[in-house]
């Protein structure tokens, strides 16, 4: 066998070995790995009033969803879908997932109100709020929009907001976009892949 053939075979073997390394996860949801910045924020946690940052959630799988407690449909439906997806995971895997509900209505969403709201969906849910300055910064970072309608005679106003949720891996890197029509089974599958269960 000539030296050229030996070289070609050695190169092919090296390529095959490299391809046998850890494969990239096969997601069912929209994979947006690398398309947005890593998770970063500084907000107040409704559970205890403590200031938390993204670093506090490093090491687990983090879902971030922006909404408000007076939302009549999108928010409760979205959080309920994540609760249903988490119920399909092994307990150890589910315990590695935290769903962060970031209020885009801090005027009405007090810590107490947020705490009661997220607690209704289970122990994996955490409410976060912050001043408009921080909220604008965080939503701009992830290309999320929100706005306020005109108050009615009683002072009630509606809030428009994006309906997508974002999933970050254990290193706080963006991995997935979850949309309102994604099947719960697919959400459960991908959370399980990232949580290792």
N, C-alpha and C. Protein backbone atom coordinates (compact mmCIF):
# COMPACT_ATOMS: atom_id res chain seq x y z
N UNK A 1 0.86 -1.19 0.00
CA UNK A 1 0.00 0.00 0.00
C UNK A 1 0.89 1.23 0.00
N UNK A 2 0.56 2.19 -0.83
CA UNK A 2 1.41 3.38 -0.94
C UNK A 2 1.23 4.28 0.26
N UNK A 3 2.20 5.20 0.43
CA UNK A 3 2.13 6.15 1.54
C UNK A 3 0.90 7.04 1.43
N UNK A 4 0.51 7.37 0.19
CA UNK A 4 -0.66 8.23 0.00
C UNK A 4 -1.92 7.52 0.50
N UNK A 5 -2.03 6.23 0.19
CA UNK A 5 -3.20 5.48 0.65
C UNK A 5 -3.21 5.39 2.17
N UNK A 6 -2.03 5.17 2.78
CA UNK A 6 -1.95 5.13 4.24
C UNK A 6 -2.42 6.46 4.83
N UNK A 7 -1.98 7.56 4.22
CA UNK A 7 -2.34 8.88 4.73
C UNK A 7 -3.85 9.11 4.63
N UNK A 8 -4.43 8.72 3.48
CA UNK A 8 -5.87 8.90 3.26
C UNK A 8 -6.66 8.07 4.28
N UNK A 9 -6.25 6.82 4.49
CA UNK A 9 -6.94 5.96 5.45
C UNK A 9 -6.81 6.51 6.87
N UNK A 10 -5.64 7.00 7.22
CA UNK A 10 -5.44 7.58 8.55
C UNK A 10 -6.32 8.81 8.74
N UNK A 11 -6.41 9.64 7.71
CA UNK A 11 -7.24 10.84 7.79
C UNK A 11 -8.71 10.48 7.94
N UNK A 12 -9.16 9.49 7.18
CA UNK A 12 -10.55 9.05 7.28
C UNK A 12 -10.84 8.48 8.67
N UNK A 13 -9.90 7.71 9.21
CA UNK A 13 -10.10 7.15 10.54
C UNK A 13 -10.21 8.26 11.58
N UNK A 14 -9.39 9.30 11.44
CA UNK A 14 -9.44 10.42 12.38
C UNK A 14 -10.78 11.14 12.29
N UNK A 15 -11.28 11.31 11.08
CA UNK A 15 -12.58 11.96 10.89
C UNK A 15 -13.70 11.13 11.52
N UNK A 16 -13.64 9.81 11.32
CA UNK A 16 -14.67 8.94 11.89
C UNK A 16 -14.64 8.96 13.41
N UNK A 17 -13.45 8.98 13.99
CA UNK A 17 -13.33 9.04 15.44
C UNK A 17 -13.88 10.36 15.98
N UNK A 18 -13.61 11.45 15.27
CA UNK A 18 -14.13 12.76 15.69
C UNK A 18 -15.65 12.77 15.62
N UNK A 19 -16.19 12.11 14.60
CA UNK A 19 -17.64 12.07 14.44
C UNK A 19 -18.29 11.21 15.52
N UNK A 20 -17.49 10.32 16.14
CA UNK A 20 -18.03 9.46 17.18
C UNK A 20 -18.02 10.12 18.56
N UNK A 21 -17.60 11.38 18.63
CA UNK A 21 -17.62 12.11 19.90
C UNK A 21 -19.05 12.32 20.34
N UNK A 22 -19.21 13.14 21.36
CA UNK A 22 -20.56 13.39 21.86
C UNK A 22 -21.41 14.08 20.81
N UNK A 23 -22.51 13.46 20.44
CA UNK A 23 -23.37 14.09 19.41
C UNK A 23 -24.13 15.27 19.99
N UNK A 24 -24.48 16.19 19.13
CA UNK A 24 -25.30 17.31 19.55
C UNK A 24 -26.71 16.79 19.88
N UNK A 25 -27.34 17.38 20.89
CA UNK A 25 -28.70 16.92 21.25
C UNK A 25 -29.66 17.08 20.07
N UNK A 26 -30.57 16.14 19.96
CA UNK A 26 -31.60 16.20 18.92
C UNK A 26 -32.86 16.80 19.53
N UNK A 27 -33.09 18.06 19.25
CA UNK A 27 -34.24 18.75 19.82
C UNK A 27 -35.45 18.65 18.89
N UNK A 28 -36.63 18.70 19.48
CA UNK A 28 -37.87 18.73 18.71
C UNK A 28 -38.38 20.16 18.56
N UNK A 29 -38.01 21.03 19.50
CA UNK A 29 -38.41 22.44 19.44
C UNK A 29 -37.41 23.21 18.58
N UNK A 30 -37.65 24.50 18.43
CA UNK A 30 -36.76 25.31 17.60
C UNK A 30 -35.44 25.56 18.32
N UNK A 31 -34.37 25.05 17.73
CA UNK A 31 -33.03 25.19 18.29
C UNK A 31 -32.48 26.56 17.89
N UNK A 32 -32.23 27.41 18.90
CA UNK A 32 -31.68 28.74 18.62
C UNK A 32 -30.33 28.92 19.31
N UNK A 33 -29.63 27.80 19.47
CA UNK A 33 -28.31 27.82 20.10
C UNK A 33 -27.42 28.87 19.44
N UNK A 34 -26.87 29.76 20.26
CA UNK A 34 -25.93 30.76 19.76
C UNK A 34 -26.56 31.98 19.11
N UNK A 35 -27.88 32.00 18.99
CA UNK A 35 -28.53 33.12 18.29
C UNK A 35 -28.87 34.29 19.21
N UNK A 36 -28.74 34.09 20.51
CA UNK A 36 -29.01 35.14 21.48
C UNK A 36 -27.94 35.08 22.57
N UNK A 37 -27.81 36.16 23.34
CA UNK A 37 -26.80 36.16 24.41
C UNK A 37 -27.16 35.18 25.52
N UNK A 38 -26.15 34.86 26.33
CA UNK A 38 -26.39 34.00 27.48
C UNK A 38 -27.32 34.70 28.46
N UNK A 39 -27.85 33.92 29.38
CA UNK A 39 -28.80 34.46 30.35
C UNK A 39 -28.10 35.47 31.25
N UNK A 40 -28.72 36.64 31.38
CA UNK A 40 -28.16 37.69 32.23
C UNK A 40 -29.28 38.60 32.71
N UNK A 41 -29.37 38.78 34.01
CA UNK A 41 -30.36 39.69 34.59
C UNK A 41 -30.04 39.93 36.05
N UNK A 42 -30.66 40.95 36.62
CA UNK A 42 -30.64 41.20 38.05
C UNK A 42 -32.03 41.67 38.42
N UNK A 43 -32.80 40.80 39.08
CA UNK A 43 -34.19 41.06 39.38
C UNK A 43 -34.50 40.62 40.82
N UNK A 44 -35.70 40.91 41.27
CA UNK A 44 -36.10 40.55 42.63
C UNK A 44 -36.98 39.31 42.58
N UNK A 45 -36.65 38.34 43.41
CA UNK A 45 -37.38 37.08 43.46
C UNK A 45 -38.60 37.23 44.36
N UNK A 46 -39.77 36.86 43.84
CA UNK A 46 -41.01 37.02 44.59
C UNK A 46 -41.05 36.15 45.84
N UNK A 47 -40.41 35.02 45.80
CA UNK A 47 -40.45 34.06 46.90
C UNK A 47 -39.98 34.66 48.21
N UNK A 48 -38.88 35.44 48.15
CA UNK A 48 -38.29 35.94 49.40
C UNK A 48 -37.85 37.40 49.34
N UNK A 49 -38.11 38.07 48.20
CA UNK A 49 -37.73 39.47 48.08
C UNK A 49 -36.25 39.69 47.87
N UNK A 50 -35.49 38.61 47.63
CA UNK A 50 -34.05 38.72 47.43
C UNK A 50 -33.73 39.11 46.00
N UNK A 51 -32.64 39.85 45.82
CA UNK A 51 -32.14 40.15 44.48
C UNK A 51 -31.39 38.93 43.97
N UNK A 52 -31.72 38.51 42.76
CA UNK A 52 -31.06 37.35 42.16
C UNK A 52 -30.54 37.73 40.78
N UNK A 53 -29.55 36.98 40.34
CA UNK A 53 -28.99 37.17 39.00
C UNK A 53 -29.03 35.83 38.27
N UNK A 54 -28.67 35.86 37.01
CA UNK A 54 -28.63 34.62 36.22
C UNK A 54 -27.67 33.61 36.83
N UNK A 55 -26.62 34.10 37.47
CA UNK A 55 -25.62 33.20 38.07
C UNK A 55 -26.25 32.30 39.12
N UNK A 56 -27.32 32.76 39.77
CA UNK A 56 -27.99 31.95 40.78
C UNK A 56 -28.67 30.72 40.18
N UNK A 57 -28.88 30.72 38.88
CA UNK A 57 -29.57 29.61 38.23
C UNK A 57 -28.63 28.77 37.36
N UNK A 58 -27.35 29.14 37.33
CA UNK A 58 -26.38 28.35 36.57
C UNK A 58 -26.29 26.95 37.19
N UNK A 59 -26.16 25.96 36.34
CA UNK A 59 -26.08 24.58 36.82
C UNK A 59 -27.36 23.80 36.61
N UNK A 60 -28.44 24.51 36.31
CA UNK A 60 -29.71 23.87 36.01
C UNK A 60 -30.22 24.35 34.66
N UNK A 61 -31.32 23.79 34.23
CA UNK A 61 -31.98 24.22 32.99
C UNK A 61 -32.97 25.31 33.38
N UNK A 62 -32.90 26.44 32.67
CA UNK A 62 -33.73 27.59 33.02
C UNK A 62 -34.63 27.99 31.86
N UNK A 63 -35.92 28.07 32.16
CA UNK A 63 -36.90 28.57 31.19
C UNK A 63 -37.25 29.99 31.60
N UNK A 64 -37.27 30.90 30.64
CA UNK A 64 -37.64 32.29 30.93
C UNK A 64 -38.85 32.67 30.09
N UNK A 65 -39.87 33.17 30.78
CA UNK A 65 -41.09 33.61 30.09
C UNK A 65 -41.49 34.96 30.66
N UNK A 66 -41.79 35.90 29.77
CA UNK A 66 -42.19 37.26 30.17
C UNK A 66 -43.71 37.39 30.08
N UNK A 67 -44.35 37.84 31.15
CA UNK A 67 -45.79 37.98 31.14
C UNK A 67 -46.27 38.83 32.30
N UNK A 68 -47.55 38.67 32.66
CA UNK A 68 -48.10 39.44 33.78
C UNK A 68 -49.27 38.67 34.38
N UNK A 69 -49.50 38.88 35.66
CA UNK A 69 -50.46 38.04 36.38
C UNK A 69 -51.91 38.30 36.00
N UNK A 70 -52.21 39.47 35.44
CA UNK A 70 -53.58 39.76 35.01
C UNK A 70 -53.87 39.23 33.60
N UNK A 71 -52.90 38.58 33.00
CA UNK A 71 -53.05 38.06 31.64
C UNK A 71 -54.18 37.03 31.63
N UNK A 72 -55.16 37.19 30.73
CA UNK A 72 -56.32 36.30 30.74
C UNK A 72 -56.11 34.94 30.09
N UNK A 73 -55.12 34.81 29.22
CA UNK A 73 -55.00 33.55 28.49
C UNK A 73 -53.58 33.05 28.25
N UNK A 74 -52.75 33.85 27.58
CA UNK A 74 -51.43 33.37 27.16
C UNK A 74 -50.58 32.93 28.35
N UNK A 75 -50.51 33.75 29.38
CA UNK A 75 -49.63 33.44 30.52
C UNK A 75 -50.06 32.19 31.29
N UNK A 76 -51.31 32.11 31.73
CA UNK A 76 -51.68 30.90 32.46
C UNK A 76 -51.58 29.64 31.60
N UNK A 77 -51.90 29.77 30.32
CA UNK A 77 -51.82 28.61 29.43
C UNK A 77 -50.37 28.17 29.25
N UNK A 78 -49.48 29.13 29.04
CA UNK A 78 -48.07 28.81 28.85
C UNK A 78 -47.48 28.15 30.09
N UNK A 79 -47.73 28.72 31.26
CA UNK A 79 -47.19 28.14 32.49
C UNK A 79 -47.79 26.77 32.77
N UNK A 80 -49.06 26.59 32.47
CA UNK A 80 -49.70 25.29 32.66
C UNK A 80 -49.09 24.24 31.73
N UNK A 81 -48.73 24.66 30.53
CA UNK A 81 -48.10 23.73 29.58
C UNK A 81 -46.73 23.29 30.08
N UNK A 82 -45.98 24.23 30.66
CA UNK A 82 -44.68 23.85 31.22
C UNK A 82 -44.86 22.93 32.43
N UNK A 83 -45.87 23.21 33.24
CA UNK A 83 -46.14 22.34 34.39
C UNK A 83 -46.46 20.92 33.91
N UNK A 84 -47.26 20.82 32.85
CA UNK A 84 -47.62 19.51 32.30
C UNK A 84 -46.38 18.81 31.73
N UNK A 85 -45.51 19.57 31.08
CA UNK A 85 -44.28 18.99 30.52
C UNK A 85 -43.38 18.48 31.64
N UNK A 86 -43.26 19.25 32.71
CA UNK A 86 -42.41 18.84 33.83
C UNK A 86 -42.96 17.59 34.51
N UNK A 87 -44.28 17.44 34.52
CA UNK A 87 -44.89 16.25 35.11
C UNK A 87 -44.53 14.98 34.34
N UNK A 88 -44.11 15.13 33.09
CA UNK A 88 -43.75 13.97 32.28
C UNK A 88 -42.30 13.54 32.48
N UNK A 89 -41.52 14.36 33.17
CA UNK A 89 -40.11 14.04 33.37
C UNK A 89 -39.92 13.19 34.63
N UNK A 90 -38.80 12.48 34.67
CA UNK A 90 -38.41 11.82 35.91
C UNK A 90 -38.20 12.90 36.97
N UNK A 91 -38.53 12.63 38.23
CA UNK A 91 -38.41 13.66 39.27
C UNK A 91 -37.04 14.32 39.34
N UNK A 92 -35.97 13.54 39.17
CA UNK A 92 -34.62 14.12 39.24
C UNK A 92 -34.39 15.12 38.12
N UNK A 93 -34.89 14.81 36.93
CA UNK A 93 -34.73 15.72 35.80
C UNK A 93 -35.59 16.96 36.00
N UNK A 94 -36.82 16.77 36.45
CA UNK A 94 -37.71 17.92 36.68
C UNK A 94 -37.13 18.85 37.72
N UNK A 95 -36.47 18.29 38.73
CA UNK A 95 -35.89 19.13 39.79
C UNK A 95 -34.76 20.00 39.28
N UNK A 96 -34.22 19.67 38.11
CA UNK A 96 -33.13 20.47 37.52
C UNK A 96 -33.65 21.58 36.62
N UNK A 97 -34.96 21.73 36.53
CA UNK A 97 -35.56 22.75 35.67
C UNK A 97 -36.24 23.82 36.52
N UNK A 98 -35.97 25.07 36.20
CA UNK A 98 -36.62 26.19 36.88
C UNK A 98 -37.28 27.06 35.81
N UNK A 99 -38.57 27.35 35.99
CA UNK A 99 -39.29 28.24 35.08
C UNK A 99 -39.38 29.61 35.74
N UNK A 100 -38.75 30.60 35.11
CA UNK A 100 -38.75 31.97 35.63
C UNK A 100 -39.81 32.78 34.90
N UNK A 101 -40.78 33.26 35.66
CA UNK A 101 -41.85 34.09 35.11
C UNK A 101 -41.49 35.54 35.44
N UNK A 102 -41.07 36.29 34.42
CA UNK A 102 -40.63 37.68 34.61
C UNK A 102 -41.79 38.61 34.30
N UNK A 103 -42.23 39.36 35.29
CA UNK A 103 -43.37 40.26 35.10
C UNK A 103 -42.99 41.46 34.25
N UNK A 104 -43.84 41.74 33.26
CA UNK A 104 -43.67 42.98 32.48
C UNK A 104 -44.69 44.03 32.95
N UNK A 105 -45.28 43.78 34.11
CA UNK A 105 -46.25 44.70 34.69
C UNK A 105 -45.92 44.93 36.17
N UNK A 106 -44.73 45.47 36.45
CA UNK A 106 -44.30 45.60 37.84
C UNK A 106 -45.18 46.54 38.67
N UNK A 107 -45.94 47.41 38.02
CA UNK A 107 -46.80 48.32 38.77
C UNK A 107 -47.87 47.55 39.54
N UNK A 108 -48.45 46.54 38.91
CA UNK A 108 -49.50 45.75 39.57
C UNK A 108 -48.98 44.45 40.17
N UNK A 109 -47.94 43.91 39.58
CA UNK A 109 -47.43 42.61 40.04
C UNK A 109 -46.47 42.80 41.21
N UNK A 110 -47.04 42.93 42.38
CA UNK A 110 -46.24 43.01 43.59
C UNK A 110 -45.59 41.65 43.85
N UNK A 111 -44.63 41.64 44.75
CA UNK A 111 -43.98 40.37 45.09
C UNK A 111 -44.99 39.37 45.63
N UNK A 112 -45.90 39.83 46.46
CA UNK A 112 -46.90 38.94 47.03
C UNK A 112 -47.81 38.35 45.95
N UNK A 113 -48.23 39.21 45.04
CA UNK A 113 -49.12 38.76 43.96
C UNK A 113 -48.39 37.76 43.05
N UNK A 114 -47.16 38.08 42.70
CA UNK A 114 -46.36 37.19 41.85
C UNK A 114 -46.15 35.83 42.53
N UNK A 115 -45.83 35.87 43.80
CA UNK A 115 -45.58 34.64 44.55
C UNK A 115 -46.81 33.73 44.53
N UNK A 116 -47.96 34.30 44.81
CA UNK A 116 -49.18 33.51 44.79
C UNK A 116 -49.49 32.95 43.41
N UNK A 117 -49.21 33.76 42.39
CA UNK A 117 -49.50 33.35 41.01
C UNK A 117 -48.64 32.15 40.59
N UNK A 118 -47.33 32.26 40.75
CA UNK A 118 -46.45 31.17 40.29
C UNK A 118 -46.60 29.93 41.15
N UNK A 119 -46.90 30.11 42.43
CA UNK A 119 -47.05 28.94 43.31
C UNK A 119 -48.18 28.03 42.84
N UNK A 120 -49.16 28.60 42.15
CA UNK A 120 -50.28 27.80 41.66
C UNK A 120 -49.85 26.78 40.60
N UNK A 121 -48.69 27.00 40.00
CA UNK A 121 -48.23 26.11 38.93
C UNK A 121 -47.24 25.06 39.42
N UNK A 122 -46.77 25.19 40.65
CA UNK A 122 -45.89 24.17 41.20
C UNK A 122 -44.56 24.71 41.69
N UNK A 123 -43.77 23.83 42.30
CA UNK A 123 -42.53 24.25 42.94
C UNK A 123 -41.40 24.62 42.00
N UNK A 124 -41.54 24.32 40.72
CA UNK A 124 -40.48 24.63 39.77
C UNK A 124 -40.59 26.04 39.18
N UNK A 125 -41.58 26.80 39.64
CA UNK A 125 -41.86 28.12 39.07
C UNK A 125 -41.45 29.23 40.05
N UNK A 126 -40.82 30.26 39.50
CA UNK A 126 -40.36 31.39 40.31
C UNK A 126 -40.79 32.69 39.63
N UNK A 127 -41.34 33.61 40.40
CA UNK A 127 -41.72 34.92 39.87
C UNK A 127 -40.60 35.91 40.09
N UNK A 128 -40.34 36.73 39.08
CA UNK A 128 -39.32 37.76 39.17
C UNK A 128 -39.90 39.09 38.72
N UNK A 129 -39.45 40.16 39.36
CA UNK A 129 -39.87 41.50 38.96
C UNK A 129 -38.70 42.45 39.15
N UNK A 130 -38.83 43.63 38.54
CA UNK A 130 -37.80 44.64 38.68
C UNK A 130 -38.31 45.97 38.17
N UNK A 131 -37.54 47.02 38.36
CA UNK A 131 -37.94 48.33 37.87
C UNK A 131 -37.95 48.35 36.35
N UNK A 132 -38.66 49.31 35.78
CA UNK A 132 -38.75 49.40 34.32
C UNK A 132 -37.38 49.46 33.66
N UNK A 133 -36.43 50.13 34.29
CA UNK A 133 -35.10 50.25 33.68
C UNK A 133 -34.46 48.88 33.47
N UNK A 134 -34.53 48.03 34.47
CA UNK A 134 -33.96 46.69 34.35
C UNK A 134 -34.80 45.83 33.43
N UNK A 135 -36.10 45.98 33.51
CA UNK A 135 -37.00 45.20 32.66
C UNK A 135 -36.77 45.50 31.18
N UNK A 136 -36.61 46.79 30.87
CA UNK A 136 -36.35 47.17 29.47
C UNK A 136 -35.04 46.57 28.98
N UNK A 137 -34.05 46.57 29.86
CA UNK A 137 -32.74 46.03 29.48
C UNK A 137 -32.81 44.54 29.21
N UNK A 138 -33.51 43.82 30.08
CA UNK A 138 -33.61 42.36 29.92
C UNK A 138 -34.43 42.00 28.69
N UNK A 139 -35.55 42.67 28.49
CA UNK A 139 -36.39 42.32 27.33
C UNK A 139 -35.71 42.69 26.02
N UNK A 140 -34.97 43.79 26.02
CA UNK A 140 -34.23 44.17 24.80
C UNK A 140 -33.17 43.12 24.48
N UNK A 141 -32.54 42.59 25.51
CA UNK A 141 -31.49 41.59 25.34
C UNK A 141 -32.01 40.36 24.60
N UNK A 142 -33.27 40.00 24.87
CA UNK A 142 -33.84 38.80 24.24
C UNK A 142 -34.91 39.12 23.20
N UNK A 143 -34.91 40.37 22.74
CA UNK A 143 -35.78 40.81 21.64
C UNK A 143 -37.25 40.58 21.96
N UNK A 144 -37.61 40.83 23.20
CA UNK A 144 -38.99 40.68 23.65
C UNK A 144 -39.63 42.06 23.73
N UNK A 145 -40.86 42.17 23.25
CA UNK A 145 -41.56 43.45 23.30
C UNK A 145 -42.75 43.36 24.25
N UNK A 146 -43.10 44.51 24.82
CA UNK A 146 -44.30 44.61 25.63
C UNK A 146 -44.75 46.06 25.64
N UNK A 147 -46.03 46.27 25.92
CA UNK A 147 -46.57 47.62 25.94
C UNK A 147 -47.86 47.65 26.73
N UNK A 148 -48.31 48.86 27.06
CA UNK A 148 -49.48 49.03 27.92
C UNK A 148 -50.60 49.74 27.17
N UNK A 149 -51.83 49.24 27.38
CA UNK A 149 -53.00 49.88 26.80
C UNK A 149 -53.46 51.04 27.66
N UNK A 150 -54.41 51.78 27.16
CA UNK A 150 -54.97 52.91 27.92
C UNK A 150 -55.83 52.39 29.07
N UNK A 151 -55.67 52.94 30.26
CA UNK A 151 -56.50 52.49 31.39
C UNK A 151 -57.98 52.80 31.15
N UNK A 152 -58.86 51.91 31.61
CA UNK A 152 -60.29 52.18 31.50
C UNK A 152 -60.73 53.02 32.70
N UNK A 153 -62.04 53.21 32.85
CA UNK A 153 -62.57 54.07 33.91
C UNK A 153 -62.18 53.58 35.30
N UNK A 154 -61.99 52.27 35.44
CA UNK A 154 -61.63 51.74 36.75
C UNK A 154 -60.11 51.68 36.97
N UNK A 155 -59.37 52.08 35.93
CA UNK A 155 -57.91 52.06 36.04
C UNK A 155 -57.27 50.80 35.51
N UNK A 156 -58.10 49.84 35.06
CA UNK A 156 -57.55 48.60 34.51
C UNK A 156 -56.96 48.87 33.13
N UNK A 157 -55.82 48.27 32.85
CA UNK A 157 -55.21 48.38 31.51
C UNK A 157 -54.69 47.01 31.10
N UNK A 158 -54.63 46.80 29.81
CA UNK A 158 -54.12 45.54 29.29
C UNK A 158 -52.63 45.69 28.98
N UNK A 159 -51.95 44.57 28.90
CA UNK A 159 -50.52 44.55 28.58
C UNK A 159 -50.32 43.62 27.40
N UNK A 160 -49.69 44.14 26.37
CA UNK A 160 -49.34 43.28 25.24
C UNK A 160 -47.91 42.80 25.46
N UNK A 161 -47.65 41.54 25.10
CA UNK A 161 -46.30 41.01 25.32
C UNK A 161 -46.07 39.82 24.40
N UNK A 162 -44.80 39.49 24.22
CA UNK A 162 -44.43 38.34 23.40
C UNK A 162 -44.88 37.07 24.09
N UNK A 163 -45.18 36.06 23.29
CA UNK A 163 -45.71 34.81 23.86
C UNK A 163 -44.69 33.68 23.89
N UNK A 164 -43.51 33.90 23.35
CA UNK A 164 -42.51 32.83 23.32
C UNK A 164 -41.76 32.73 24.64
N UNK A 165 -41.27 31.53 24.93
CA UNK A 165 -40.43 31.30 26.10
C UNK A 165 -39.05 30.85 25.61
N UNK A 166 -38.05 31.09 26.43
CA UNK A 166 -36.67 30.75 26.07
C UNK A 166 -36.13 29.74 27.07
N UNK A 167 -35.36 28.78 26.55
CA UNK A 167 -34.77 27.75 27.40
C UNK A 167 -33.25 27.87 27.33
N UNK A 168 -32.63 27.94 28.52
CA UNK A 168 -31.18 28.05 28.64
C UNK A 168 -30.63 26.78 29.28
N UNK A 169 -29.44 26.39 28.87
CA UNK A 169 -28.85 25.16 29.41
C UNK A 169 -28.14 25.41 30.74
N UNK A 170 -27.45 24.41 31.24
CA UNK A 170 -26.80 24.50 32.55
C UNK A 170 -25.73 25.58 32.62
N UNK A 171 -25.20 25.97 31.46
CA UNK A 171 -24.19 27.03 31.42
C UNK A 171 -24.79 28.39 31.12
N UNK A 172 -26.13 28.48 31.21
CA UNK A 172 -26.87 29.72 30.92
C UNK A 172 -26.77 30.16 29.47
N UNK A 173 -26.49 29.20 28.58
CA UNK A 173 -26.45 29.48 27.14
C UNK A 173 -27.83 29.21 26.56
N UNK A 174 -28.25 30.08 25.63
CA UNK A 174 -29.56 29.92 24.98
C UNK A 174 -29.57 28.65 24.13
N UNK A 175 -30.65 27.88 24.22
CA UNK A 175 -30.76 26.66 23.43
C UNK A 175 -32.04 26.57 22.63
N UNK A 176 -33.18 26.93 23.24
CA UNK A 176 -34.46 26.66 22.58
C UNK A 176 -35.43 27.83 22.66
N UNK A 177 -36.27 27.92 21.64
CA UNK A 177 -37.41 28.83 21.63
C UNK A 177 -38.67 27.97 21.71
N UNK A 178 -39.53 28.27 22.66
CA UNK A 178 -40.77 27.51 22.82
C UNK A 178 -41.93 28.41 22.45
N UNK A 179 -42.73 27.95 21.49
CA UNK A 179 -43.88 28.73 21.02
C UNK A 179 -45.18 28.13 21.54
N UNK A 180 -46.24 28.92 21.46
CA UNK A 180 -47.52 28.52 22.02
C UNK A 180 -48.14 27.29 21.42
N UNK A 181 -47.76 26.95 20.19
CA UNK A 181 -48.36 25.77 19.56
C UNK A 181 -47.45 24.54 19.59
N UNK A 182 -46.35 24.62 20.30
CA UNK A 182 -45.47 23.47 20.42
C UNK A 182 -46.13 22.41 21.31
N UNK A 183 -46.11 21.15 20.89
CA UNK A 183 -46.73 20.09 21.69
C UNK A 183 -46.05 19.94 23.06
N UNK A 184 -46.84 19.66 24.07
CA UNK A 184 -46.30 19.45 25.42
C UNK A 184 -45.29 18.31 25.42
N UNK A 185 -45.55 17.28 24.63
CA UNK A 185 -44.62 16.15 24.56
C UNK A 185 -43.25 16.58 24.06
N UNK A 186 -43.22 17.51 23.11
CA UNK A 186 -41.94 18.00 22.58
C UNK A 186 -41.22 18.86 23.62
N UNK A 187 -41.99 19.65 24.36
CA UNK A 187 -41.38 20.46 25.42
C UNK A 187 -40.76 19.54 26.47
N UNK A 188 -41.50 18.52 26.88
CA UNK A 188 -41.00 17.57 27.87
C UNK A 188 -39.75 16.86 27.35
N UNK A 189 -39.78 16.46 26.10
CA UNK A 189 -38.63 15.76 25.51
C UNK A 189 -37.38 16.62 25.59
N UNK A 190 -37.49 17.86 25.14
CA UNK A 190 -36.30 18.71 25.07
C UNK A 190 -35.81 19.15 26.45
N UNK A 191 -36.73 19.41 27.37
CA UNK A 191 -36.31 19.71 28.74
C UNK A 191 -35.58 18.49 29.34
N UNK A 192 -36.09 17.31 29.01
CA UNK A 192 -35.44 16.10 29.48
C UNK A 192 -34.05 15.93 28.91
N UNK A 193 -33.89 16.25 27.63
CA UNK A 193 -32.57 16.15 26.99
C UNK A 193 -31.58 17.08 27.70
N UNK A 194 -32.01 18.32 27.95
CA UNK A 194 -31.10 19.28 28.58
C UNK A 194 -30.85 18.97 30.05
N UNK A 195 -31.86 18.41 30.71
CA UNK A 195 -31.71 18.08 32.13
C UNK A 195 -31.06 16.71 32.34
N UNK A 196 -30.87 15.99 31.26
CA UNK A 196 -30.24 14.68 31.38
C UNK A 196 -31.17 13.59 31.86
N UNK A 197 -32.47 13.76 31.56
CA UNK A 197 -33.40 12.73 32.00
C UNK A 197 -34.63 12.74 31.18
